Amino acid sequence: LHPLLAAATSDHLELQYHAAFALVYLTCNADNQVRIVEEGGILPLLKLSKSQDTRIQFEAIGALANLSVDAENKIQIVKNGGLDTLISTLSSTFPFIYSNPTI
């Protein structure tokens, strides 16, 4: 998990995209959610959700949506600035982000 989170914080957009893509699938599993949150995955995902690359935004928001199924994770997401991300997502002009029913 550590290399994946390191890729998420990389300066290279393709690494960010592939990390976010992997994280969206890993966050479908409750055990993975716990590990991702424990290892500091919320902040990188929040940063990726504000990327100028809409592919990265979409994957990061999907991973955050998966994490938010757990009530404690919701609190951690909000404490780390996730509410701003949600608000900016709702005002997004990118149809495939705005139309994501998990947001």
PDB file of N, CA and C in Angstrom:
ATOM      1  N   LEU A   1       0.828  -1.206   0.000  1.00  0.00           N
ATOM      2  CA  LEU A   1       0.000   0.000   0.000  1.00  0.00           C
ATOM      3  C   LEU A   1       0.865   1.260   0.000  1.00  0.00           C
ATOM      4  N   HIS A   2       1.991   1.194   0.696  1.00  0.00           N
ATOM      5  CA  HIS A   2       2.864   2.374   0.758  1.00  0.00           C
ATOM      6  C   HIS A   2       3.305   2.858  -0.629  1.00  0.00           C
ATOM      7  N   PRO A   3       3.762   1.962  -1.528  1.00  0.00           N
ATOM      8  CA  PRO A   3       4.149   2.438  -2.869  1.00  0.00           C
ATOM      9  C   PRO A   3       2.981   3.071  -3.631  1.00  0.00           C
ATOM     10  N   LEU A   4       1.796   2.558  -3.415  1.00  0.00           N
ATOM     11  CA  LEU A   4       0.615   3.097  -4.095  1.00  0.00           C
ATOM     12  C   LEU A   4       0.314   4.513  -3.599  1.00  0.00           C
ATOM     13  N   LEU A   5       0.401   4.721  -2.300  1.00  0.00           N
ATOM     14  CA  LEU A   5       0.167   6.064  -1.751  1.00  0.00           C
ATOM     15  C   LEU A   5       1.290   7.014  -2.155  1.00  0.00           C
ATOM     16  N   ALA A   6       2.502   6.492  -2.284  1.00  0.00           N
ATOM     17  CA  ALA A   6       3.606   7.326  -2.773  1.00  0.00           C
ATOM     18  C   ALA A   6       3.339   7.751  -4.221  1.00  0.00           C
ATOM     19  N   ALA A   7       2.827   6.844  -5.035  1.00  0.00           N
ATOM     20  CA  ALA A   7       2.496   7.177  -6.420  1.00  0.00           C
ATOM     21  C   ALA A   7       1.384   8.230  -6.466  1.00  0.00           C
ATOM     22  N   ALA A   8       0.466   8.148  -5.528  1.00  0.00           N
ATOM     23  CA  ALA A   8      -0.634   9.118  -5.478  1.00  0.00           C
ATOM     24  C   ALA A   8      -0.130  10.526  -5.192  1.00  0.00           C
ATOM     25  N   THR A   9       0.998  10.630  -4.516  1.00  0.00           N
ATOM     26  CA  THR A   9       1.542  11.952  -4.181  1.00  0.00           C
ATOM     27  C   THR A   9       2.661  12.366  -5.139  1.00  0.00           C
ATOM     28  N   SER A  10       2.873  11.601  -6.180  1.00  0.00           N
ATOM     29  CA  SER A  10       3.896  11.900  -7.176  1.00  0.00           C
ATOM     30  C   SER A  10       3.550  13.175  -7.936  1.00  0.00           C
ATOM     31  N   ASP A  11       4.560  13.758  -8.562  1.00  0.00           N
ATOM     32  CA  ASP A  11       4.332  14.915  -9.428  1.00  0.00           C
ATOM     33  C   ASP A  11       3.913  14.499 -10.839  1.00  0.00           C
ATOM     34  N   HIS A  12       3.965  13.217 -11.129  1.00  0.00           N
ATOM     35  CA  HIS A  12       3.650  12.704 -12.462  1.00  0.00           C
ATOM     36  C   HIS A  12       2.168  12.322 -12.555  1.00  0.00           C
ATOM     37  N   LEU A  13       1.468  12.956 -13.476  1.00  0.00           N
ATOM     38  CA  LEU A  13       0.032  12.748 -13.607  1.00  0.00           C
ATOM     39  C   LEU A  13      -0.340  11.298 -13.890  1.00  0.00           C
ATOM     40  N   GLU A  14       0.434  10.619 -14.722  1.00  0.00           N
ATOM     41  CA  GLU A  14       0.093   9.227 -15.028  1.00  0.00           C
ATOM     42  C   GLU A  14       0.212   8.335 -13.792  1.00  0.00           C
ATOM     43  N   LEU A  15       1.221   8.568 -12.968  1.00  0.00           N
ATOM     44  CA  LEU A  15       1.345   7.811 -11.719  1.00  0.00           C
ATOM     45  C   LEU A  15       0.165   8.121 -10.800  1.00  0.00           C
ATOM     46  N   GLN A  16      -0.210   9.389 -10.727  1.00  0.00           N
ATOM     47  CA  GLN A  16      -1.360   9.773  -9.910  1.00  0.00           C
ATOM     48  C   GLN A  16      -2.622   9.074 -10.392  1.00  0.00           C
ATOM     49  N   TYR A  17      -2.812   9.075 -11.702  1.00  0.00           N
ATOM     50  CA  TYR A  17      -4.003   8.446 -12.262  1.00  0.00           C
ATOM     51  C   TYR A  17      -4.053   6.954 -11.930  1.00  0.00           C
ATOM     52  N   HIS A  18      -2.968   6.266 -12.166  1.00  0.00           N
ATOM     53  CA  HIS A  18      -2.957   4.821 -11.922  1.00  0.00           C
ATOM     54  C   HIS A  18      -3.102   4.496 -10.434  1.00  0.00           C
ATOM     55  N   ALA A  19      -2.549   5.337  -9.578  1.00  0.00           N
ATOM     56  CA  ALA A  19      -2.717   5.138  -8.134  1.00  0.00           C
ATOM     57  C   ALA A  19      -4.181   5.333  -7.743  1.00  0.00           C
ATOM     58  N   ALA A  20      -4.790   6.396  -8.242  1.00  0.00           N
ATOM     59  CA  ALA A  20      -6.200   6.659  -7.925  1.00  0.00           C
ATOM     60  C   ALA A  20      -7.086   5.550  -8.479  1.00  0.00           C
ATOM     61  N   PHE A  21      -6.774   5.079  -9.671  1.00  0.00           N
ATOM     62  CA  PHE A  21      -7.528   3.994 -10.299  1.00  0.00           C
ATOM     63  C   PHE A  21      -7.470   2.743  -9.424  1.00  0.00           C
ATOM     64  N   ALA A  22      -6.284   2.399  -8.946  1.00  0.00           N
ATOM     65  CA  ALA A  22      -6.135   1.224  -8.085  1.00  0.00           C
ATOM     66  C   ALA A  22      -6.851   1.430  -6.755  1.00  0.00           C
ATOM     67  N   LEU A  23      -6.744   2.626  -6.202  1.00  0.00           N
ATOM     68  CA  LEU A  23      -7.363   2.887  -4.907  1.00  0.00           C
ATOM     69  C   LEU A  23      -8.887   2.814  -4.961  1.00  0.00           C
ATOM     70  N   VAL A  24      -9.476   3.207  -6.069  1.00  0.00           N
ATOM     71  CA  VAL A  24     -10.933   3.130  -6.158  1.00  0.00           C
ATOM     72  C   VAL A  24     -11.397   1.677  -6.039  1.00  0.00           C
ATOM     73  N   TYR A  25     -10.627   0.757  -6.578  1.00  0.00           N
ATOM     74  CA  TYR A  25     -11.001  -0.657  -6.466  1.00  0.00           C
ATOM     75  C   TYR A  25     -10.636  -1.229  -5.098  1.00  0.00           C
ATOM     76  N   LEU A  26      -9.514  -0.834  -4.563  1.00  0.00           N
ATOM     77  CA  LEU A  26      -9.123  -1.319  -3.233  1.00  0.00           C
ATOM     78  C   LEU A  26     -10.100  -0.859  -2.151  1.00  0.00           C
ATOM     79  N   THR A  27     -10.664   0.328  -2.334  1.00  0.00           N
ATOM     80  CA  THR A  27     -11.584   0.855  -1.327  1.00  0.00           C
ATOM     81  C   THR A  27     -12.954   0.189  -1.356  1.00  0.00           C
ATOM     82  N   CYS A  28     -13.161  -0.737  -2.265  1.00  0.00           N
ATOM     83  CA  CYS A  28     -14.416  -1.504  -2.277  1.00  0.00           C
ATOM     84  C   CYS A  28     -14.441  -2.548  -1.160  1.00  0.00           C
ATOM     85  N   ASN A  29     -13.299  -2.824  -0.584  1.00  0.00           N
ATOM     86  CA  ASN A  29     -13.158  -3.841   0.456  1.00  0.00           C
ATOM     87  C   ASN A  29     -12.970  -3.167   1.812  1.00  0.00           C
ATOM     88  N   ALA A  30     -13.763  -3.572   2.805  1.00  0.00           N
ATOM     89  CA  ALA A  30     -13.723  -2.940   4.130  1.00  0.00           C
ATOM     90  C   ALA A  30     -12.352  -3.054   4.794  1.00  0.00           C
ATOM     91  N   ASP A  31     -11.693  -4.203   4.660  1.00  0.00           N
ATOM     92  CA  ASP A  31     -10.365  -4.350   5.266  1.00  0.00           C
ATOM     93  C   ASP A  31      -9.361  -3.401   4.619  1.00  0.00           C
ATOM     94  N   ASN A  32      -9.455  -3.267   3.312  1.00  0.00           N
ATOM     95  CA  ASN A  32      -8.570  -2.325   2.615  1.00  0.00           C
ATOM     96  C   ASN A  32      -8.859  -0.893   3.036  1.00  0.00           C
ATOM     97  N   GLN A  33     -10.128  -0.577   3.232  1.00  0.00           N
ATOM     98  CA  GLN A  33     -10.490   0.775   3.671  1.00  0.00           C
ATOM     99  C   GLN A  33      -9.790   1.123   4.973  1.00  0.00           C
ATOM    100  N   VAL A  34      -9.808   0.183   5.910  1.00  0.00           N
ATOM    101  CA  VAL A  34      -9.166   0.416   7.210  1.00  0.00           C
ATOM    102  C   VAL A  34      -7.680   0.705   7.009  1.00  0.00           C
ATOM    103  N   ARG A  35      -7.014  -0.123   6.231  1.00  0.00           N
ATOM    104  CA  ARG A  35      -5.572   0.057   6.005  1.00  0.00           C
ATOM    105  C   ARG A  35      -5.278   1.377   5.306  1.00  0.00           C
ATOM    106  N   ILE A  36      -6.076   1.708   4.313  1.00  0.00           N
ATOM    107  CA  ILE A  36      -5.845   2.945   3.565  1.00  0.00           C
ATOM    108  C   ILE A  36      -5.982   4.155   4.479  1.00  0.00           C
ATOM    109  N   VAL A  37      -7.002   4.164   5.315  1.00  0.00           N
ATOM    110  CA  VAL A  37      -7.193   5.276   6.245  1.00  0.00           C
ATOM    111  C   VAL A  37      -6.076   5.295   7.284  1.00  0.00           C
ATOM    112  N   GLU A  38      -5.730   4.138   7.840  1.00  0.00           N
ATOM    113  CA  GLU A  38      -4.669   4.065   8.851  1.00  0.00           C
ATOM    114  C   GLU A  38      -3.321   4.515   8.297  1.00  0.00           C
ATOM    115  N   GLU A  39      -3.082   4.266   7.023  1.00  0.00           N
ATOM    116  CA  GLU A  39      -1.796   4.619   6.430  1.00  0.00           C
ATOM    117  C   GLU A  39      -1.798   6.008   5.785  1.00  0.00           C
ATOM    118  N   GLY A  40      -2.834   6.786   6.083  1.00  0.00           N
ATOM    119  CA  GLY A  40      -2.854   8.177   5.636  1.00  0.00           C
ATOM    120  C   GLY A  40      -3.338   8.399   4.225  1.00  0.00           C
ATOM    121  N   GLY A  41      -4.216   7.553   3.736  1.00  0.00           N
ATOM    122  CA  GLY A  41      -4.679   7.653   2.361  1.00  0.00           C
ATOM    123  C   GLY A  41      -5.693   8.738   2.077  1.00  0.00           C
ATOM    124  N   ILE A  42      -6.318   9.278   3.101  1.00  0.00           N
ATOM    125  CA  ILE A  42      -7.360  10.290   2.863  1.00  0.00           C
ATOM    126  C   ILE A  42      -6.776  11.570   2.262  1.00  0.00           C
ATOM    127  N   LEU A  43      -5.705  12.081   2.835  1.00  0.00           N
ATOM    128  CA  LEU A  43      -5.143  13.339   2.324  1.00  0.00           C
ATOM    129  C   LEU A  43      -4.689  13.245   0.867  1.00  0.00           C
ATOM    130  N   PRO A  44      -3.963  12.196   0.472  1.00  0.00           N
ATOM    131  CA  PRO A  44      -3.614  12.112  -0.956  1.00  0.00           C
ATOM    132  C   PRO A  44      -4.846  12.040  -1.869  1.00  0.00           C
ATOM    133  N   LEU A  45      -5.870  11.315  -1.432  1.00  0.00           N
ATOM    134  CA  LEU A  45      -7.083  11.232  -2.250  1.00  0.00           C
ATOM    135  C   LEU A  45      -7.778  12.585  -2.356  1.00  0.00           C
ATOM    136  N   LEU A  46      -7.793  13.334  -1.268  1.00  0.00           N
ATOM    137  CA  LEU A  46      -8.394  14.666  -1.326  1.00  0.00           C
ATOM    138  C   LEU A  46      -7.603  15.566  -2.268  1.00  0.00           C
ATOM    139  N   LYS A  47      -6.291  15.462  -2.217  1.00  0.00           N
ATOM    140  CA  LYS A  47      -5.472  16.262  -3.126  1.00  0.00           C
ATOM    141  C   LYS A  47      -5.737  15.862  -4.577  1.00  0.00           C
ATOM    142  N   LEU A  48      -5.802  14.567  -4.837  1.00  0.00           N
ATOM    143  CA  LEU A  48      -6.065  14.097  -6.198  1.00  0.00           C
ATOM    144  C   LEU A  48      -7.448  14.510  -6.684  1.00  0.00           C
ATOM    145  N   SER A  49      -8.396  14.605  -5.774  1.00  0.00           N
ATOM    146  CA  SER A  49      -9.761  14.975  -6.172  1.00  0.00           C
ATOM    147  C   SER A  49      -9.841  16.422  -6.660  1.00  0.00           C
ATOM    148  N   LYS A  50      -8.789  17.195  -6.415  1.00  0.00           N
ATOM    149  CA  LYS A  50      -8.741  18.587  -6.877  1.00  0.00           C
ATOM    150  C   LYS A  50      -7.816  18.757  -8.076  1.00  0.00           C
ATOM    151  N   SER A  51      -7.377  17.644  -8.641  1.00  0.00           N
ATOM    152  CA  SER A  51      -6.472  17.671  -9.787  1.00  0.00           C
ATOM    153  C   SER A  51      -7.113  18.380 -10.972  1.00  0.00           C
ATOM    154  N   GLN A  52      -6.275  18.955 -11.815  1.00  0.00           N
ATOM    155  CA  GLN A  52      -6.762  19.550 -13.061  1.00  0.00           C
ATOM    156  C   GLN A  52      -7.089  18.471 -14.089  1.00  0.00           C
ATOM    157  N   ASP A  53      -6.594  17.271 -13.856  1.00  0.00           N
ATOM    158  CA  ASP A  53      -6.863  16.133 -14.751  1.00  0.00           C
ATOM    159  C   ASP A  53      -8.167  15.479 -14.291  1.00  0.00           C
ATOM    160  N   THR A  54      -9.192  15.548 -15.108  1.00  0.00           N
ATOM    161  CA  THR A  54     -10.511  15.050 -14.702  1.00  0.00           C
ATOM    162  C   THR A  54     -10.535  13.538 -14.503  1.00  0.00           C
ATOM    163  N   ARG A  55      -9.646  12.815 -15.184  1.00  0.00           N
ATOM    164  CA  ARG A  55      -9.572  11.358 -14.952  1.00  0.00           C
ATOM    165  C   ARG A  55      -9.143  11.066 -13.521  1.00  0.00           C
ATOM    166  N   ILE A  56      -8.177  11.836 -13.044  1.00  0.00           N
ATOM    167  CA  ILE A  56      -7.679  11.665 -11.676  1.00  0.00           C
ATOM    168  C   ILE A  56      -8.767  12.066 -10.685  1.00  0.00           C
ATOM    169  N   GLN A  57      -9.427  13.182 -10.949  1.00  0.00           N
ATOM    170  CA  GLN A  57     -10.527  13.626 -10.082  1.00  0.00           C
ATOM    171  C   GLN A  57     -11.573  12.527  -9.934  1.00  0.00           C
ATOM    172  N   PHE A  58     -11.983  11.981 -11.056  1.00  0.00           N
ATOM    173  CA  PHE A  58     -13.044  10.980 -11.066  1.00  0.00           C
ATOM    174  C   PHE A  58     -12.676   9.771 -10.209  1.00  0.00           C
ATOM    175  N   GLU A  59     -11.468   9.249 -10.380  1.00  0.00           N
ATOM    176  CA  GLU A  59     -11.042   8.069  -9.622  1.00  0.00           C
ATOM    177  C   GLU A  59     -10.894   8.394  -8.137  1.00  0.00           C
ATOM    178  N   ALA A  60     -10.305   9.530  -7.827  1.00  0.00           N
ATOM    179  CA  ALA A  60     -10.106   9.911  -6.426  1.00  0.00           C
ATOM    180  C   ALA A  60     -11.445  10.113  -5.720  1.00  0.00           C
ATOM    181  N   ILE A  61     -12.375  10.745  -6.387  1.00  0.00           N
ATOM    182  CA  ILE A  61     -13.700  10.962  -5.796  1.00  0.00           C
ATOM    183  C   ILE A  61     -14.412   9.629  -5.600  1.00  0.00           C
ATOM    184  N   GLY A  62     -14.239   8.721  -6.533  1.00  0.00           N
ATOM    185  CA  GLY A  62     -14.815   7.382  -6.368  1.00  0.00           C
ATOM    186  C   GLY A  62     -14.246   6.672  -5.159  1.00  0.00           C
ATOM    187  N   ALA A  63     -12.938   6.773  -4.956  1.00  0.00           N
ATOM    188  CA  ALA A  63     -12.307   6.147  -3.795  1.00  0.00           C
ATOM    189  C   ALA A  63     -12.799   6.792  -2.498  1.00  0.00           C
ATOM    190  N   LEU A  64     -12.928   8.112  -2.497  1.00  0.00           N
ATOM    191  CA  LEU A  64     -13.452   8.803  -1.309  1.00  0.00           C
ATOM    192  C   LEU A  64     -14.899   8.405  -1.039  1.00  0.00           C
ATOM    193  N   ALA A  65     -15.671   8.257  -2.091  1.00  0.00           N
ATOM    194  CA  ALA A  65     -17.064   7.824  -1.921  1.00  0.00           C
ATOM    195  C   ALA A  65     -17.106   6.428  -1.307  1.00  0.00           C
ATOM    196  N   ASN A  66     -16.232   5.542  -1.779  1.00  0.00           N
ATOM    197  CA  ASN A  66     -16.175   4.196  -1.198  1.00  0.00           C
ATOM    198  C   ASN A  66     -15.776   4.243   0.270  1.00  0.00           C
ATOM    199  N   LEU A  67     -14.783   5.063   0.587  1.00  0.00           N
ATOM    200  CA  LEU A  67     -14.355   5.179   1.984  1.00  0.00           C
ATOM    201  C   LEU A  67     -15.462   5.744   2.861  1.00  0.00           C
ATOM    202  N   SER A  68     -16.268   6.631   2.305  1.00  0.00           N
ATOM    203  CA  SER A  68     -17.291   7.310   3.106  1.00  0.00           C
ATOM    204  C   SER A  68     -18.467   6.424   3.478  1.00  0.00           C
ATOM    205  N   VAL A  69     -18.484   5.196   3.005  1.00  0.00           N
ATOM    206  CA  VAL A  69     -19.534   4.257   3.413  1.00  0.00           C
ATOM    207  C   VAL A  69     -19.448   4.019   4.923  1.00  0.00           C
ATOM    208  N   ASP A  70     -18.231   4.041   5.446  1.00  0.00           N
ATOM    209  CA  ASP A  70     -17.997   3.869   6.877  1.00  0.00           C
ATOM    210  C   ASP A  70     -18.158   5.218   7.582  1.00  0.00           C
ATOM    211  N   ALA A  71     -18.949   5.253   8.642  1.00  0.00           N
ATOM    212  CA  ALA A  71     -19.249   6.509   9.340  1.00  0.00           C
ATOM    213  C   ALA A  71     -17.991   7.186   9.886  1.00  0.00           C
ATOM    214  N   GLU A  72     -17.073   6.415  10.449  1.00  0.00           N
ATOM    215  CA  GLU A  72     -15.845   7.007  10.988  1.00  0.00           C
ATOM    216  C   GLU A  72     -14.998   7.608   9.875  1.00  0.00           C
ATOM    217  N   ASN A  73     -14.976   6.941   8.748  1.00  0.00           N
ATOM    218  CA  ASN A  73     -14.224   7.481   7.610  1.00  0.00           C
ATOM    219  C   ASN A  73     -14.827   8.795   7.133  1.00  0.00           C
ATOM    220  N   LYS A  74     -16.152   8.894   7.152  1.00  0.00           N
ATOM    221  CA  LYS A  74     -16.802  10.159   6.774  1.00  0.00           C
ATOM    222  C   LYS A  74     -16.294  11.288   7.644  1.00  0.00           C
ATOM    223  N   ILE A  75     -16.225  11.027   8.940  1.00  0.00           N
ATOM    224  CA  ILE A  75     -15.749  12.053   9.879  1.00  0.00           C
ATOM    225  C   ILE A  75     -14.316  12.441   9.547  1.00  0.00           C
ATOM    226  N   GLN A  76     -13.468  11.446   9.276  1.00  0.00           N
ATOM    227  CA  GLN A  76     -12.068  11.724   8.952  1.00  0.00           C
ATOM    228  C   GLN A  76     -11.941  12.500   7.640  1.00  0.00           C
ATOM    229  N   ILE A  77     -12.771  12.169   6.680  1.00  0.00           N
ATOM    230  CA  ILE A  77     -12.743  12.885   5.400  1.00  0.00           C
ATOM    231  C   ILE A  77     -13.117  14.350   5.614  1.00  0.00           C
ATOM    232  N   VAL A  78     -14.165  14.596   6.378  1.00  0.00           N
ATOM    233  CA  VAL A  78     -14.586  15.979   6.646  1.00  0.00           C
ATOM    234  C   VAL A  78     -13.521  16.715   7.451  1.00  0.00           C
ATOM    235  N   LYS A  79     -12.946  16.068   8.461  1.00  0.00           N
ATOM    236  CA  LYS A  79     -11.904  16.704   9.279  1.00  0.00           C
ATOM    237  C   LYS A  79     -10.683  17.090   8.449  1.00  0.00           C
ATOM    238  N   ASN A  80     -10.457  16.376   7.360  1.00  0.00           N
ATOM    239  CA  ASN A  80      -9.296  16.642   6.509  1.00  0.00           C
ATOM    240  C   ASN A  80      -9.622  17.528   5.313  1.00  0.00           C
ATOM    241  N   GLY A  81     -10.786  18.179   5.340  1.00  0.00           N
ATOM    242  CA  GLY A  81     -11.135  19.125   4.288  1.00  0.00           C
ATOM    243  C   GLY A  81     -11.998  18.562   3.180  1.00  0.00           C
ATOM    244  N   GLY A  82     -12.571  17.414   3.399  1.00  0.00           N
ATOM    245  CA  GLY A  82     -13.367  16.773   2.367  1.00  0.00           C
ATOM    246  C   GLY A  82     -14.651  17.491   2.009  1.00  0.00           C
ATOM    247  N   LEU A  83     -15.149  18.305   2.907  1.00  0.00           N
ATOM    248  CA  LEU A  83     -16.380  19.036   2.609  1.00  0.00           C
ATOM    249  C   LEU A  83     -16.161  20.022   1.461  1.00  0.00           C
ATOM    250  N   ASP A  84     -15.012  20.679   1.457  1.00  0.00           N
ATOM    251  CA  ASP A  84     -14.683  21.585   0.346  1.00  0.00           C
ATOM    252  C   ASP A  84     -14.627  20.825  -0.974  1.00  0.00           C
ATOM    253  N   THR A  85     -14.072  19.619  -0.913  1.00  0.00           N
ATOM    254  CA  THR A  85     -13.992  18.792  -2.113  1.00  0.00           C
ATOM    255  C   THR A  85     -15.378  18.445  -2.619  1.00  0.00           C
ATOM    256  N   LEU A  86     -16.255  18.064  -1.713  1.00  0.00           N
ATOM    257  CA  LEU A  86     -17.621  17.723  -2.097  1.00  0.00           C
ATOM    258  C   LEU A  86     -18.325  18.916  -2.735  1.00  0.00           C
ATOM    259  N   ILE A  87     -18.186  20.069  -2.130  1.00  0.00           N
ATOM    260  CA  ILE A  87     -18.833  21.273  -2.662  1.00  0.00           C
ATOM    261  C   ILE A  87     -18.292  21.609  -4.046  1.00  0.00           C
ATOM    262  N   SER A  88     -16.969  21.543  -4.209  1.00  0.00           N
ATOM    263  CA  SER A  88     -16.410  21.862  -5.525  1.00  0.00           C
ATOM    264  C   SER A  88     -16.793  20.809  -6.562  1.00  0.00           C
ATOM    265  N   THR A  89     -16.963  19.563  -6.136  1.00  0.00           N
ATOM    266  CA  THR A  89     -17.385  18.509  -7.050  1.00  0.00           C
ATOM    267  C   THR A  89     -18.814  18.756  -7.525  1.00  0.00           C
ATOM    268  N   LEU A  90     -19.661  19.171  -6.619  1.00  0.00           N
ATOM    269  CA  LEU A  90     -21.046  19.415  -6.988  1.00  0.00           C
ATOM    270  C   LEU A  90     -21.193  20.588  -7.958  1.00  0.00           C
ATOM    271  N   SER A  91     -20.215  21.486  -7.936  1.00  0.00           N
ATOM    272  CA  SER A  91     -20.270  22.611  -8.867  1.00  0.00           C
ATOM    273  C   SER A  91     -19.415  22.364 -10.105  1.00  0.00           C
ATOM    274  N   SER A  92     -18.927  21.141 -10.265  1.00  0.00           N
ATOM    275  CA  SER A  92     -18.076  20.798 -11.402  1.00  0.00           C
ATOM    276  C   SER A  92     -18.848  20.897 -12.713  1.00  0.00           C
ATOM    277  N   THR A  93     -18.142  21.302 -13.746  1.00  0.00           N
ATOM    278  CA  THR A  93     -18.746  21.364 -15.076  1.00  0.00           C
ATOM    279  C   THR A  93     -18.433  20.111 -15.886  1.00  0.00           C
ATOM    280  N   PHE A  94     -17.705  19.184 -15.297  1.00  0.00           N
ATOM    281  CA  PHE A  94     -17.364  17.950 -15.983  1.00  0.00           C
ATOM    282  C   PHE A  94     -18.484  16.939 -15.773  1.00  0.00           C
ATOM    283  N   PRO A  95     -19.225  16.600 -16.828  1.00  0.00           N
ATOM    284  CA  PRO A  95     -20.413  15.746 -16.692  1.00  0.00           C
ATOM    285  C   PRO A  95     -20.141  14.387 -16.047  1.00  0.00           C
ATOM    286  N   PHE A  96     -19.025  13.748 -16.359  1.00  0.00           N
ATOM    287  CA  PHE A  96     -18.813  12.423 -15.807  1.00  0.00           C
ATOM    288  C   PHE A  96     -18.449  12.460 -14.329  1.00  0.00           C
ATOM    289  N   ILE A  97     -18.042  13.597 -13.825  1.00  0.00           N
ATOM    290  CA  ILE A  97     -17.817  13.724 -12.385  1.00  0.00           C
ATOM    291  C   ILE A  97     -19.140  14.056 -11.709  1.00  0.00           C
ATOM    292  N   TYR A  98     -19.839  15.021 -12.244  1.00  0.00           N
ATOM    293  CA  TYR A  98     -21.094  15.451 -11.630  1.00  0.00           C
ATOM    294  C   TYR A  98     -22.145  14.347 -11.642  1.00  0.00           C
ATOM    295  N   SER A  99     -22.113  13.516 -12.686  1.00  0.00           N
ATOM    296  CA  SER A  99     -23.141  12.491 -12.819  1.00  0.00           C
ATOM    297  C   SER A  99     -22.839  11.235 -12.017  1.00  0.00           C
ATOM    298  N   ASN A 100     -21.724  11.184 -11.305  1.00  0.00           N
ATOM    299  CA  ASN A 100     -21.373  10.006 -10.513  1.00  0.00           C
ATOM    300  C   ASN A 100     -22.381   9.876  -9.377  1.00  0.00           C
ATOM    301  N   PRO A 101     -23.202   8.834  -9.363  1.00  0.00           N
ATOM    302  CA  PRO A 101     -24.263   8.710  -8.359  1.00  0.00           C
ATOM    303  C   PRO A 101     -23.749   8.426  -6.949  1.00  0.00           C
ATOM    304  N   THR A 102     -22.463   8.096  -6.794  1.00  0.00           N
ATOM    305  CA  THR A 102     -21.943   7.809  -5.458  1.00  0.00           C
ATOM    306  C   THR A 102     -21.545   9.053  -4.700  1.00  0.00           C
ATOM    307  N   ILE A 103     -21.524  10.189  -5.367  1.00  0.00           N
ATOM    308  CA  ILE A 103     -21.090  11.436  -4.722  1.00  0.00           C
ATOM    309  C   ILE A 103     -22.235  12.072  -3.972  1.00  0.00           C
TER     310      ILE A 103
END
